[in-house]
């Protein structure tokens, strides 16, 4: 059995073993959407018969997919493999480990996050619908000002950030989510290391700095691209201080929970 897209070799030219080839085929079907999250794979005996593979080969393939968080295997008589699909958390874990291996610091991640989000803010200020966007952000800001529940205020803070980031498109949204998750992983590691018990919010959450938000809205409404970029870059770096409170920004990224 061979993968429809990858054949029998990996990207480095290495010959794939049968369990890897089988896992590759299922992985491709999941990525293409032929197998959707929540779908159950056929029973083990049926898969063995249909695919013409041995039980050890099939089980090794499922272990590979499970290690990639693409499926979840329930053990027992009523068990089976459930499709999970790709997740941002799994990708962030892999990316975080790669960056940690390359000795990237928390400050590096915060700089990248500030760069990406400030570019999205600049796009809003340069766009044709500045008044519409500014009104949307103002409405979110006003709801946050009148709320008293910390969790609700944090959600509105996130909604404000999400609206800004959305200007950059889906790739920008995903990049910001991945960086946020890596910072959360780092905070979790630092929290356990310090013996703290309070949950650390992501860099985009927490008590809103309404001055920054109001200034950004004004910059967008007036089409001031340079100010929008500067305001939001500085805002993101300030919010990143919540992560740095547990471990200095010069410390290496650590996602090994």
C-alpha atoms as a PDB file:
ATOM      1  CA  UNK A   1       0.000   0.000   0.000  1.00  0.00           C
ATOM      2  CA  UNK A   2       1.393   3.441  -0.895  1.00  0.00           C
ATOM      3  CA  UNK A   3       0.407   6.998  -0.128  1.00  0.00           C
ATOM      4  CA  UNK A   4      -1.404   8.732  -2.958  1.00  0.00           C
ATOM      5  CA  UNK A   5       0.678  11.893  -2.470  1.00  0.00           C
ATOM      6  CA  UNK A   6       3.890  10.785  -0.788  1.00  0.00           C
ATOM      7  CA  UNK A   7       4.645   7.390  -2.362  1.00  0.00           C
ATOM      8  CA  UNK A   8       6.952   5.054  -0.490  1.00  0.00           C
ATOM      9  CA  UNK A   9       9.629   7.585   0.519  1.00  0.00           C
ATOM     10  CA  UNK A  10       9.680  10.484   2.935  1.00  0.00           C
ATOM     11  CA  UNK A  11      10.730  14.032   2.013  1.00  0.00           C
ATOM     12  CA  UNK A  12      14.376  13.134   2.683  1.00  0.00           C
ATOM     13  CA  UNK A  13      14.281  10.218   0.261  1.00  0.00           C
ATOM     14  CA  UNK A  14      14.297   7.529   2.964  1.00  0.00           C
ATOM     15  CA  UNK A  15      12.350   4.364   2.159  1.00  0.00           C
ATOM     16  CA  UNK A  16       9.275   4.228   4.364  1.00  0.00           C
ATOM     17  CA  UNK A  17       8.502   1.098   6.323  1.00  0.00           C
ATOM     18  CA  UNK A  18       5.066  -0.437   5.888  1.00  0.00           C
ATOM     19  CA  UNK A  19       3.599   1.012   9.138  1.00  0.00           C
ATOM     20  CA  UNK A  20       4.857   4.463   8.110  1.00  0.00           C
ATOM     21  CA  UNK A  21       3.348   4.082   4.633  1.00  0.00           C
ATOM     22  CA  UNK A  22       0.045   3.000   6.125  1.00  0.00           C
ATOM     23  CA  UNK A  23       0.092   5.897   8.594  1.00  0.00           C
ATOM     24  CA  UNK A  24       0.916   8.264   5.730  1.00  0.00           C
ATOM     25  CA  UNK A  25      -2.134   7.102   3.787  1.00  0.00           C
ATOM     26  CA  UNK A  26      -4.473   7.681   6.720  1.00  0.00           C
ATOM     27  CA  UNK A  27      -2.743  10.998   7.515  1.00  0.00           C
ATOM     28  CA  UNK A  28      -3.316  12.207   3.970  1.00  0.00           C
ATOM     29  CA  UNK A  29      -6.970  11.203   4.070  1.00  0.00           C
ATOM     30  CA  UNK A  30      -7.422  13.120   7.320  1.00  0.00           C
ATOM     31  CA  UNK A  31      -5.682  16.226   5.941  1.00  0.00           C
ATOM     32  CA  UNK A  32      -7.734  16.101   2.732  1.00  0.00           C
ATOM     33  CA  UNK A  33     -10.934  15.889   4.772  1.00  0.00           C
ATOM     34  CA  UNK A  34     -11.890  12.416   3.586  1.00  0.00           C
ATOM     35  CA  UNK A  35     -11.822  11.390   7.247  1.00  0.00           C
ATOM     36  CA  UNK A  36     -13.397  14.060   9.445  1.00  0.00           C
ATOM     37  CA  UNK A  37     -12.974  14.713  13.172  1.00  0.00           C
ATOM     38  CA  UNK A  38     -15.261  12.359  15.065  1.00  0.00           C
ATOM     39  CA  UNK A  39     -15.228   9.665  12.396  1.00  0.00           C
ATOM     40  CA  UNK A  40     -14.583   6.133  13.622  1.00  0.00           C
ATOM     41  CA  UNK A  41     -12.092   4.011  11.752  1.00  0.00           C
ATOM     42  CA  UNK A  42     -13.359   0.512  10.910  1.00  0.00           C
ATOM     43  CA  UNK A  43     -12.661  -2.255  13.447  1.00  0.00           C
ATOM     44  CA  UNK A  44      -9.144  -3.621  13.543  1.00  0.00           C
ATOM     45  CA  UNK A  45     -10.091  -6.956  12.008  1.00  0.00           C
ATOM     46  CA  UNK A  46     -11.872  -5.269   9.120  1.00  0.00           C
ATOM     47  CA  UNK A  47      -8.925  -2.972   8.430  1.00  0.00           C
ATOM     48  CA  UNK A  48      -6.508  -5.909   8.448  1.00  0.00           C
ATOM     49  CA  UNK A  49      -8.658  -7.778   5.934  1.00  0.00           C
ATOM     50  CA  UNK A  50      -9.308  -4.769   3.690  1.00  0.00           C
ATOM     51  CA  UNK A  51      -5.738  -3.484   3.664  1.00  0.00           C
ATOM     52  CA  UNK A  52      -3.966  -6.843   3.583  1.00  0.00           C
ATOM     53  CA  UNK A  53      -1.607  -5.950   6.410  1.00  0.00           C
ATOM     54  CA  UNK A  54      -0.616  -7.700   9.626  1.00  0.00           C
ATOM     55  CA  UNK A  55      -1.955  -6.783  13.053  1.00  0.00           C
ATOM     56  CA  UNK A  56       1.460  -5.493  14.268  1.00  0.00           C
ATOM     57  CA  UNK A  57       1.773  -3.298  11.158  1.00  0.00           C
ATOM     58  CA  UNK A  58      -1.689  -1.804  11.687  1.00  0.00           C
ATOM     59  CA  UNK A  59      -1.083  -1.208  15.383  1.00  0.00           C
ATOM     60  CA  UNK A  60       2.248   0.495  14.721  1.00  0.00           C
ATOM     61  CA  UNK A  61       0.559   2.735  12.129  1.00  0.00           C
ATOM     62  CA  UNK A  62      -2.147   3.713  14.613  1.00  0.00           C
ATOM     63  CA  UNK A  63       0.524   4.445  17.232  1.00  0.00           C
ATOM     64  CA  UNK A  64       2.201   6.820  14.774  1.00  0.00           C
ATOM     65  CA  UNK A  65      -1.084   8.628  14.102  1.00  0.00           C
ATOM     66  CA  UNK A  66      -1.893   8.727  17.803  1.00  0.00           C
ATOM     67  CA  UNK A  67       1.526  10.251  18.577  1.00  0.00           C
ATOM     68  CA  UNK A  68       0.703  12.985  16.056  1.00  0.00           C
ATOM     69  CA  UNK A  69      -2.665  13.610  17.760  1.00  0.00           C
ATOM     70  CA  UNK A  70      -4.495  12.778  14.543  1.00  0.00           C
ATOM     71  CA  UNK A  71      -6.469   9.939  16.124  1.00  0.00           C
ATOM     72  CA  UNK A  72      -7.402   8.798  19.612  1.00  0.00           C
ATOM     73  CA  UNK A  73      -7.400   5.067  20.295  1.00  0.00           C
ATOM     74  CA  UNK A  74      -9.847   3.741  22.881  1.00  0.00           C
ATOM     75  CA  UNK A  75      -8.750   0.416  24.315  1.00  0.00           C
ATOM     76  CA  UNK A  76     -10.984  -2.493  25.263  1.00  0.00           C
ATOM     77  CA  UNK A  77     -13.792  -4.520  23.730  1.00  0.00           C
ATOM     78  CA  UNK A  78     -15.736  -1.405  22.719  1.00  0.00           C
ATOM     79  CA  UNK A  79     -12.665   0.538  21.734  1.00  0.00           C
ATOM     80  CA  UNK A  80     -11.569   1.849  18.376  1.00  0.00           C
ATOM     81  CA  UNK A  81      -9.785   4.703  16.662  1.00  0.00           C
ATOM     82  CA  UNK A  82     -11.515   8.094  16.505  1.00  0.00           C
ATOM     83  CA  UNK A  83     -10.301  10.736  14.072  1.00  0.00           C
ATOM     84  CA  UNK A  84      -9.210  13.986  15.752  1.00  0.00           C
ATOM     85  CA  UNK A  85      -7.738  15.896  12.844  1.00  0.00           C
ATOM     86  CA  UNK A  86      -4.862  18.388  12.942  1.00  0.00           C
ATOM     87  CA  UNK A  87      -4.829  20.741  15.930  1.00  0.00           C
ATOM     88  CA  UNK A  88      -3.077  24.033  16.575  1.00  0.00           C
ATOM     89  CA  UNK A  89      -1.976  22.755  19.989  1.00  0.00           C
ATOM     90  CA  UNK A  90      -0.149  19.784  18.448  1.00  0.00           C
ATOM     91  CA  UNK A  91       1.530  21.993  15.834  1.00  0.00           C
ATOM     92  CA  UNK A  92       2.508  24.521  18.517  1.00  0.00           C
ATOM     93  CA  UNK A  93       4.058  21.719  20.552  1.00  0.00           C
ATOM     94  CA  UNK A  94       6.160  20.531  17.619  1.00  0.00           C
ATOM     95  CA  UNK A  95       7.132  24.098  16.632  1.00  0.00           C
ATOM     96  CA  UNK A  96       7.918  24.994  20.236  1.00  0.00           C
ATOM     97  CA  UNK A  97      10.230  22.014  20.642  1.00  0.00           C
ATOM     98  CA  UNK A  98      12.030  22.938  17.414  1.00  0.00           C
ATOM     99  CA  UNK A  99      12.457  26.553  18.557  1.00  0.00           C
ATOM    100  CA  UNK A 100      13.596  25.402  22.004  1.00  0.00           C
ATOM    101  CA  UNK A 101      16.193  23.147  20.370  1.00  0.00           C
ATOM    102  CA  UNK A 102      17.396  26.194  18.400  1.00  0.00           C
ATOM    103  CA  UNK A 103      17.719  28.108  21.697  1.00  0.00           C
ATOM    104  CA  UNK A 104      15.061  30.685  20.825  1.00  0.00           C
ATOM    105  CA  UNK A 105      14.174  32.979  23.733  1.00  0.00           C
ATOM    106  CA  UNK A 106      10.779  34.118  24.991  1.00  0.00           C
ATOM    107  CA  UNK A 107      11.750  37.610  23.847  1.00  0.00           C
ATOM    108  CA  UNK A 108      12.196  36.293  20.292  1.00  0.00           C
ATOM    109  CA  UNK A 109       8.661  34.879  20.294  1.00  0.00           C
ATOM    110  CA  UNK A 110       7.223  38.111  21.725  1.00  0.00           C
ATOM    111  CA  UNK A 111       9.043  40.138  19.057  1.00  0.00           C
ATOM    112  CA  UNK A 112       7.603  37.924  16.317  1.00  0.00           C
ATOM    113  CA  UNK A 113       4.122  38.138  17.784  1.00  0.00           C
ATOM    114  CA  UNK A 114       4.317  41.931  18.053  1.00  0.00           C
ATOM    115  CA  UNK A 115       5.539  42.150  14.455  1.00  0.00           C
ATOM    116  CA  UNK A 116       2.708  40.006  13.089  1.00  0.00           C
ATOM    117  CA  UNK A 117      -0.083  41.671  15.086  1.00  0.00           C
ATOM    118  CA  UNK A 118       1.140  45.220  14.446  1.00  0.00           C
ATOM    119  CA  UNK A 119       1.208  44.488  10.718  1.00  0.00           C
ATOM    120  CA  UNK A 120      -2.440  43.411  10.948  1.00  0.00           C
ATOM    121  CA  UNK A 121      -3.266  46.646  12.806  1.00  0.00           C
ATOM    122  CA  UNK A 122      -1.541  48.588  10.040  1.00  0.00           C
ATOM    123  CA  UNK A 123      -3.700  46.844   7.443  1.00  0.00           C
ATOM    124  CA  UNK A 124      -6.828  47.973   9.259  1.00  0.00           C
ATOM    125  CA  UNK A 125      -5.628  51.583   9.268  1.00  0.00           C
ATOM    126  CA  UNK A 126      -4.751  51.375   5.568  1.00  0.00           C
ATOM    127  CA  UNK A 127      -8.031  49.744   4.548  1.00  0.00           C
ATOM    128  CA  UNK A 128     -11.058  51.281   2.851  1.00  0.00           C
ATOM    129  CA  UNK A 129     -13.493  50.707   5.741  1.00  0.00           C
ATOM    130  CA  UNK A 130     -11.718  52.437   8.603  1.00  0.00           C
ATOM    131  CA  UNK A 131     -14.900  53.881  10.107  1.00  0.00           C
ATOM    132  CA  UNK A 132     -16.691  50.531  10.062  1.00  0.00           C
ATOM    133  CA  UNK A 133     -13.726  48.753  11.653  1.00  0.00           C
ATOM    134  CA  UNK A 134     -13.228  51.498  14.226  1.00  0.00           C
ATOM    135  CA  UNK A 135     -16.923  51.313  15.185  1.00  0.00           C
ATOM    136  CA  UNK A 136     -16.674  47.522  15.604  1.00  0.00           C
ATOM    137  CA  UNK A 137     -13.628  47.830  17.853  1.00  0.00           C
ATOM    138  CA  UNK A 138     -15.203  50.690  19.796  1.00  0.00           C
ATOM    139  CA  UNK A 139     -18.275  48.541  20.516  1.00  0.00           C
ATOM    140  CA  UNK A 140     -16.054  45.742  21.863  1.00  0.00           C
ATOM    141  CA  UNK A 141     -14.102  48.233  23.966  1.00  0.00           C
ATOM    142  CA  UNK A 142     -17.283  49.742  25.444  1.00  0.00           C
ATOM    143  CA  UNK A 143     -18.603  46.321  26.425  1.00  0.00           C
ATOM    144  CA  UNK A 144     -15.311  45.627  28.165  1.00  0.00           C
ATOM    145  CA  UNK A 145     -15.432  48.900  30.055  1.00  0.00           C
ATOM    146  CA  UNK A 146     -18.905  48.286  31.434  1.00  0.00           C
ATOM    147  CA  UNK A 147     -18.361  44.643  32.402  1.00  0.00           C
ATOM    148  CA  UNK A 148     -17.339  43.655  35.909  1.00  0.00           C
ATOM    149  CA  UNK A 149     -16.718  39.915  35.503  1.00  0.00           C
ATOM    150  CA  UNK A 150     -12.952  39.322  34.962  1.00  0.00           C
ATOM    151  CA  UNK A 151     -13.561  36.294  32.741  1.00  0.00           C
ATOM    152  CA  UNK A 152     -16.002  38.231  30.560  1.00  0.00           C
ATOM    153  CA  UNK A 153     -13.591  41.141  30.307  1.00  0.00           C
ATOM    154  CA  UNK A 154     -10.815  38.757  29.266  1.00  0.00           C
ATOM    155  CA  UNK A 155     -13.091  37.341  26.559  1.00  0.00           C
ATOM    156  CA  UNK A 156     -13.737  40.849  25.241  1.00  0.00           C
ATOM    157  CA  UNK A 157     -10.009  41.534  25.309  1.00  0.00           C
ATOM    158  CA  UNK A 158      -9.527  38.422  23.200  1.00  0.00           C
ATOM    159  CA  UNK A 159     -12.349  39.478  20.860  1.00  0.00           C
ATOM    160  CA  UNK A 160     -10.595  42.816  20.301  1.00  0.00           C
ATOM    161  CA  UNK A 161      -7.299  41.081  19.497  1.00  0.00           C
ATOM    162  CA  UNK A 162      -9.030  38.552  17.253  1.00  0.00           C
ATOM    163  CA  UNK A 163     -10.674  41.329  15.243  1.00  0.00           C
ATOM    164  CA  UNK A 164      -7.321  43.033  14.730  1.00  0.00           C
ATOM    165  CA  UNK A 165      -5.500  39.828  13.793  1.00  0.00           C
ATOM    166  CA  UNK A 166      -8.243  38.787  11.360  1.00  0.00           C
ATOM    167  CA  UNK A 167      -7.166  41.659   9.109  1.00  0.00           C
ATOM    168  CA  UNK A 168      -4.049  39.682   8.258  1.00  0.00           C
ATOM    169  CA  UNK A 169      -5.982  36.680   6.958  1.00  0.00           C
ATOM    170  CA  UNK A 170      -6.126  33.043   7.995  1.00  0.00           C
ATOM    171  CA  UNK A 171      -2.366  32.460   7.977  1.00  0.00           C
ATOM    172  CA  UNK A 172      -1.821  35.412  10.305  1.00  0.00           C
ATOM    173  CA  UNK A 173      -4.574  34.172  12.616  1.00  0.00           C
ATOM    174  CA  UNK A 174      -2.955  30.742  12.790  1.00  0.00           C
ATOM    175  CA  UNK A 175       0.551  32.148  13.361  1.00  0.00           C
ATOM    176  CA  UNK A 176      -0.660  34.277  16.270  1.00  0.00           C
ATOM    177  CA  UNK A 177      -2.542  31.319  17.754  1.00  0.00           C
ATOM    178  CA  UNK A 178       0.571  29.124  17.526  1.00  0.00           C
ATOM    179  CA  UNK A 179       2.774  31.738  19.189  1.00  0.00           C
ATOM    180  CA  UNK A 180       0.185  32.312  21.895  1.00  0.00           C
ATOM    181  CA  UNK A 181       0.040  28.576  22.588  1.00  0.00           C
ATOM    182  CA  UNK A 182       3.835  28.333  22.776  1.00  0.00           C
ATOM    183  CA  UNK A 183       3.909  31.195  25.290  1.00  0.00           C
ATOM    184  CA  UNK A 184       1.208  29.456  27.310  1.00  0.00           C
ATOM    185  CA  UNK A 185       3.241  26.240  27.311  1.00  0.00           C
ATOM    186  CA  UNK A 186       6.288  28.165  28.484  1.00  0.00           C
ATOM    187  CA  UNK A 187       4.257  29.848  31.228  1.00  0.00           C
ATOM    188  CA  UNK A 188       2.933  26.473  32.359  1.00  0.00           C
ATOM    189  CA  UNK A 189       6.452  25.058  32.617  1.00  0.00           C
ATOM    190  CA  UNK A 190       7.636  28.149  34.524  1.00  0.00           C
ATOM    191  CA  UNK A 191       4.581  28.032  36.787  1.00  0.00           C
ATOM    192  CA  UNK A 192       5.305  24.438  37.802  1.00  0.00           C
ATOM    193  CA  UNK A 193       8.964  25.263  38.286  1.00  0.00           C
ATOM    194  CA  UNK A 194       8.157  28.175  40.595  1.00  0.00           C
ATOM    195  CA  UNK A 195       5.567  26.229  42.580  1.00  0.00           C
ATOM    196  CA  UNK A 196       2.877  28.790  41.710  1.00  0.00           C
ATOM    197  CA  UNK A 197      -0.737  27.733  41.409  1.00  0.00           C
ATOM    198  CA  UNK A 198      -2.395  30.663  39.666  1.00  0.00           C
ATOM    199  CA  UNK A 199      -3.315  30.109  36.053  1.00  0.00           C
ATOM    200  CA  UNK A 200      -1.331  32.304  33.692  1.00  0.00           C
ATOM    201  CA  UNK A 201      -3.352  33.951  30.904  1.00  0.00           C
ATOM    202  CA  UNK A 202      -2.112  34.151  27.319  1.00  0.00           C
ATOM    203  CA  UNK A 203      -0.403  37.294  26.119  1.00  0.00           C
ATOM    204  CA  UNK A 204      -3.643  38.504  24.499  1.00  0.00           C
ATOM    205  CA  UNK A 205      -5.701  38.103  27.669  1.00  0.00           C
ATOM    206  CA  UNK A 206      -5.803  39.777  31.024  1.00  0.00           C
ATOM    207  CA  UNK A 207      -6.890  43.196  32.212  1.00  0.00           C
ATOM    208  CA  UNK A 208      -7.353  45.367  29.116  1.00  0.00           C
ATOM    209  CA  UNK A 209      -5.248  48.476  28.627  1.00  0.00           C
ATOM    210  CA  UNK A 210      -8.083  50.691  27.409  1.00  0.00           C
ATOM    211  CA  UNK A 211      -5.724  53.574  26.578  1.00  0.00           C
ATOM    212  CA  UNK A 212      -3.896  51.415  24.037  1.00  0.00           C
ATOM    213  CA  UNK A 213      -7.188  50.194  22.602  1.00  0.00           C
ATOM    214  CA  UNK A 214      -8.635  53.696  22.330  1.00  0.00           C
ATOM    215  CA  UNK A 215      -5.450  54.978  20.710  1.00  0.00           C
ATOM    216  CA  UNK A 216      -5.508  52.173  18.168  1.00  0.00           C
ATOM    217  CA  UNK A 217      -9.140  52.885  17.316  1.00  0.00           C
ATOM    218  CA  UNK A 218      -8.284  56.559  16.736  1.00  0.00           C
ATOM    219  CA  UNK A 219      -5.292  55.639  14.556  1.00  0.00           C
ATOM    220  CA  UNK A 220      -7.462  53.313  12.461  1.00  0.00           C
ATOM    221  CA  UNK A 221     -10.278  55.849  12.094  1.00  0.00           C
ATOM    222  CA  UNK A 222      -7.835  58.526  10.931  1.00  0.00           C
ATOM    223  CA  UNK A 223      -5.922  56.163   8.658  1.00  0.00           C
ATOM    224  CA  UNK A 224      -2.683  56.677  10.575  1.00  0.00           C
ATOM    225  CA  UNK A 225      -0.797  53.529   9.606  1.00  0.00           C
ATOM    226  CA  UNK A 226       2.449  54.415  11.378  1.00  0.00           C
ATOM    227  CA  UNK A 227       0.700  55.138  14.689  1.00  0.00           C
ATOM    228  CA  UNK A 228      -1.443  52.003  14.458  1.00  0.00           C
ATOM    229  CA  UNK A 229       1.705  49.919  13.933  1.00  0.00           C
ATOM    230  CA  UNK A 230       3.575  51.507  16.843  1.00  0.00           C
ATOM    231  CA  UNK A 231       0.644  51.448  19.281  1.00  0.00           C
ATOM    232  CA  UNK A 232      -0.159  47.793  18.721  1.00  0.00           C
ATOM    233  CA  UNK A 233       3.464  46.648  18.672  1.00  0.00           C
ATOM    234  CA  UNK A 234       4.064  48.298  22.037  1.00  0.00           C
ATOM    235  CA  UNK A 235       0.765  46.943  23.363  1.00  0.00           C
ATOM    236  CA  UNK A 236       1.655  43.352  22.502  1.00  0.00           C
ATOM    237  CA  UNK A 237       5.070  43.677  24.108  1.00  0.00           C
ATOM    238  CA  UNK A 238       3.454  45.086  27.252  1.00  0.00           C
ATOM    239  CA  UNK A 239       0.958  42.220  27.390  1.00  0.00           C
ATOM    240  CA  UNK A 240       3.849  39.814  26.965  1.00  0.00           C
ATOM    241  CA  UNK A 241       5.099  40.982  30.335  1.00  0.00           C
ATOM    242  CA  UNK A 242       2.570  38.607  31.903  1.00  0.00           C
ATOM    243  CA  UNK A 243       4.632  35.731  30.547  1.00  0.00           C
ATOM    244  CA  UNK A 244       7.911  37.392  31.520  1.00  0.00           C
ATOM    245  CA  UNK A 245       6.645  37.771  35.087  1.00  0.00           C
ATOM    246  CA  UNK A 246       7.276  34.049  35.581  1.00  0.00           C
ATOM    247  CA  UNK A 247      10.497  33.817  33.600  1.00  0.00           C
ATOM    248  CA  UNK A 248      12.544  36.654  32.140  1.00  0.00           C
ATOM    249  CA  UNK A 249      12.082  37.324  28.446  1.00  0.00           C
ATOM    250  CA  UNK A 250      15.778  36.600  27.903  1.00  0.00           C
ATOM    251  CA  UNK A 251      15.226  33.027  29.081  1.00  0.00           C
ATOM    252  CA  UNK A 252      15.048  30.276  26.505  1.00  0.00           C
ATOM    253  CA  UNK A 253      11.658  29.091  25.412  1.00  0.00           C
ATOM    254  CA  UNK A 254      10.735  25.948  27.356  1.00  0.00           C
ATOM    255  CA  UNK A 255       7.691  23.945  26.248  1.00  0.00           C
ATOM    256  CA  UNK A 256       8.689  20.572  27.691  1.00  0.00           C
ATOM    257  CA  UNK A 257       5.710  20.128  30.010  1.00  0.00           C
END
